[in-house]
Amino acid sequence: MTLEPIYRLPKVMELTGLSRSSIYLALSNGTFPKPIKLGQRSIGWPESLLIQWKEEREEKSNENT
């Protein structure tokens, strides 16, 4: 069994092209995947959630063109 990569905020910002505030705004709007708790004061996003989010954005973008 291979473990799925979990990305912390700096890497999520790099992968999505979104700023910290944009990610948290999208989280509060329900338009960005919710992170999982890694510890008392740390969170991360499983790679599969980010891939799914990115694919959904691409599909919506294609629908609008």
C-alpha atoms as a PDB file:
ATOM      1  CA  MET A   1       0.000   0.000   0.000  1.00  0.00           C
ATOM      2  CA  THR A   2       1.432   3.356  -0.991  1.00  0.00           C
ATOM      3  CA  LEU A   3       0.619   6.431   0.993  1.00  0.00           C
ATOM      4  CA  GLU A   4      -0.946   9.372  -0.780  1.00  0.00           C
ATOM      5  CA  PRO A   5       1.105  12.567  -0.687  1.00  0.00           C
ATOM      6  CA  ILE A   6      -0.233  15.275   1.606  1.00  0.00           C
ATOM      7  CA  TYR A   7       0.630  18.857   0.672  1.00  0.00           C
ATOM      8  CA  ARG A   8       1.067  21.715   3.117  1.00  0.00           C
ATOM      9  CA  LEU A   9      -0.045  25.250   2.274  1.00  0.00           C
ATOM     10  CA  PRO A  10       3.136  26.507   0.523  1.00  0.00           C
ATOM     11  CA  LYS A  11       3.066  23.572  -1.909  1.00  0.00           C
ATOM     12  CA  VAL A  12      -0.717  23.939  -2.419  1.00  0.00           C
ATOM     13  CA  MET A  13      -0.164  27.596  -3.280  1.00  0.00           C
ATOM     14  CA  GLU A  14       2.515  26.590  -5.784  1.00  0.00           C
ATOM     15  CA  LEU A  15       0.399  23.830  -7.364  1.00  0.00           C
ATOM     16  CA  THR A  16      -2.797  25.863  -7.655  1.00  0.00           C
ATOM     17  CA  GLY A  17      -1.359  29.287  -8.379  1.00  0.00           C
ATOM     18  CA  LEU A  18      -3.579  30.728  -5.644  1.00  0.00           C
ATOM     19  CA  SER A  19      -2.449  32.981  -2.824  1.00  0.00           C
ATOM     20  CA  ARG A  20      -2.905  32.072   0.833  1.00  0.00           C
ATOM     21  CA  SER A  21      -5.844  34.464   1.191  1.00  0.00           C
ATOM     22  CA  SER A  22      -7.490  33.162  -2.005  1.00  0.00           C
ATOM     23  CA  ILE A  23      -7.279  29.598  -0.729  1.00  0.00           C
ATOM     24  CA  TYR A  24      -8.844  30.511   2.618  1.00  0.00           C
ATOM     25  CA  LEU A  25     -11.533  32.591   0.919  1.00  0.00           C
ATOM     26  CA  ALA A  26     -12.372  29.665  -1.382  1.00  0.00           C
ATOM     27  CA  LEU A  27     -12.448  27.366   1.668  1.00  0.00           C
ATOM     28  CA  SER A  28     -14.945  29.625   3.408  1.00  0.00           C
ATOM     29  CA  ASN A  29     -17.055  29.753   0.209  1.00  0.00           C
ATOM     30  CA  GLY A  30     -16.972  25.969  -0.066  1.00  0.00           C
ATOM     31  CA  THR A  31     -15.242  26.088  -3.456  1.00  0.00           C
ATOM     32  CA  PHE A  32     -11.912  24.579  -2.349  1.00  0.00           C
ATOM     33  CA  PRO A  33     -11.327  21.150  -0.789  1.00  0.00           C
ATOM     34  CA  LYS A  34     -11.198  21.067   2.981  1.00  0.00           C
ATOM     35  CA  PRO A  35      -7.817  20.139   4.427  1.00  0.00           C
ATOM     36  CA  ILE A  36      -7.238  17.310   6.848  1.00  0.00           C
ATOM     37  CA  LYS A  37      -5.733  17.750  10.293  1.00  0.00           C
ATOM     38  CA  LEU A  38      -2.183  16.445  10.544  1.00  0.00           C
ATOM     39  CA  GLY A  39      -1.604  17.500  14.133  1.00  0.00           C
ATOM     40  CA  GLN A  40      -2.787  20.009  16.683  1.00  0.00           C
ATOM     41  CA  ARG A  41      -1.660  22.991  14.635  1.00  0.00           C
ATOM     42  CA  SER A  42      -1.055  21.628  11.149  1.00  0.00           C
ATOM     43  CA  ILE A  43      -3.226  20.830   8.159  1.00  0.00           C
ATOM     44  CA  GLY A  44      -2.624  19.450   4.697  1.00  0.00           C
ATOM     45  CA  TRP A  45      -4.434  18.553   1.507  1.00  0.00           C
ATOM     46  CA  PRO A  46      -4.359  15.032   0.070  1.00  0.00           C
ATOM     47  CA  GLU A  47      -3.097  15.031  -3.507  1.00  0.00           C
ATOM     48  CA  SER A  48      -6.281  13.363  -4.793  1.00  0.00           C
ATOM     49  CA  LEU A  49      -8.469  16.242  -3.522  1.00  0.00           C
ATOM     50  CA  LEU A  50      -6.294  18.810  -5.275  1.00  0.00           C
ATOM     51  CA  ILE A  51      -6.298  16.829  -8.534  1.00  0.00           C
ATOM     52  CA  GLN A  52     -10.088  16.479  -8.393  1.00  0.00           C
ATOM     53  CA  TRP A  53     -10.499  20.219  -7.685  1.00  0.00           C
ATOM     54  CA  LYS A  54      -8.203  21.111 -10.578  1.00  0.00           C
ATOM     55  CA  GLU A  55     -10.059  18.778 -12.988  1.00  0.00           C
ATOM     56  CA  GLU A  56     -13.425  20.266 -11.971  1.00  0.00           C
ATOM     57  CA  ARG A  57     -12.115  23.786 -12.615  1.00  0.00           C
ATOM     58  CA  GLU A  58     -10.832  22.730 -16.038  1.00  0.00           C
ATOM     59  CA  GLU A  59     -14.212  21.171 -16.912  1.00  0.00           C
ATOM     60  CA  LYS A  60     -16.060  24.352 -15.884  1.00  0.00           C
ATOM     61  CA  SER A  61     -13.614  26.429 -17.894  1.00  0.00           C
ATOM     62  CA  ASN A  62     -14.225  24.268 -20.986  1.00  0.00           C
ATOM     63  CA  GLU A  63     -17.987  24.573 -20.570  1.00  0.00           C
ATOM     64  CA  ASN A  64     -17.741  28.367 -20.658  1.00  0.00           C
ATOM     65  CA  THR A  65     -15.842  28.480 -23.948  1.00  0.00           C
END
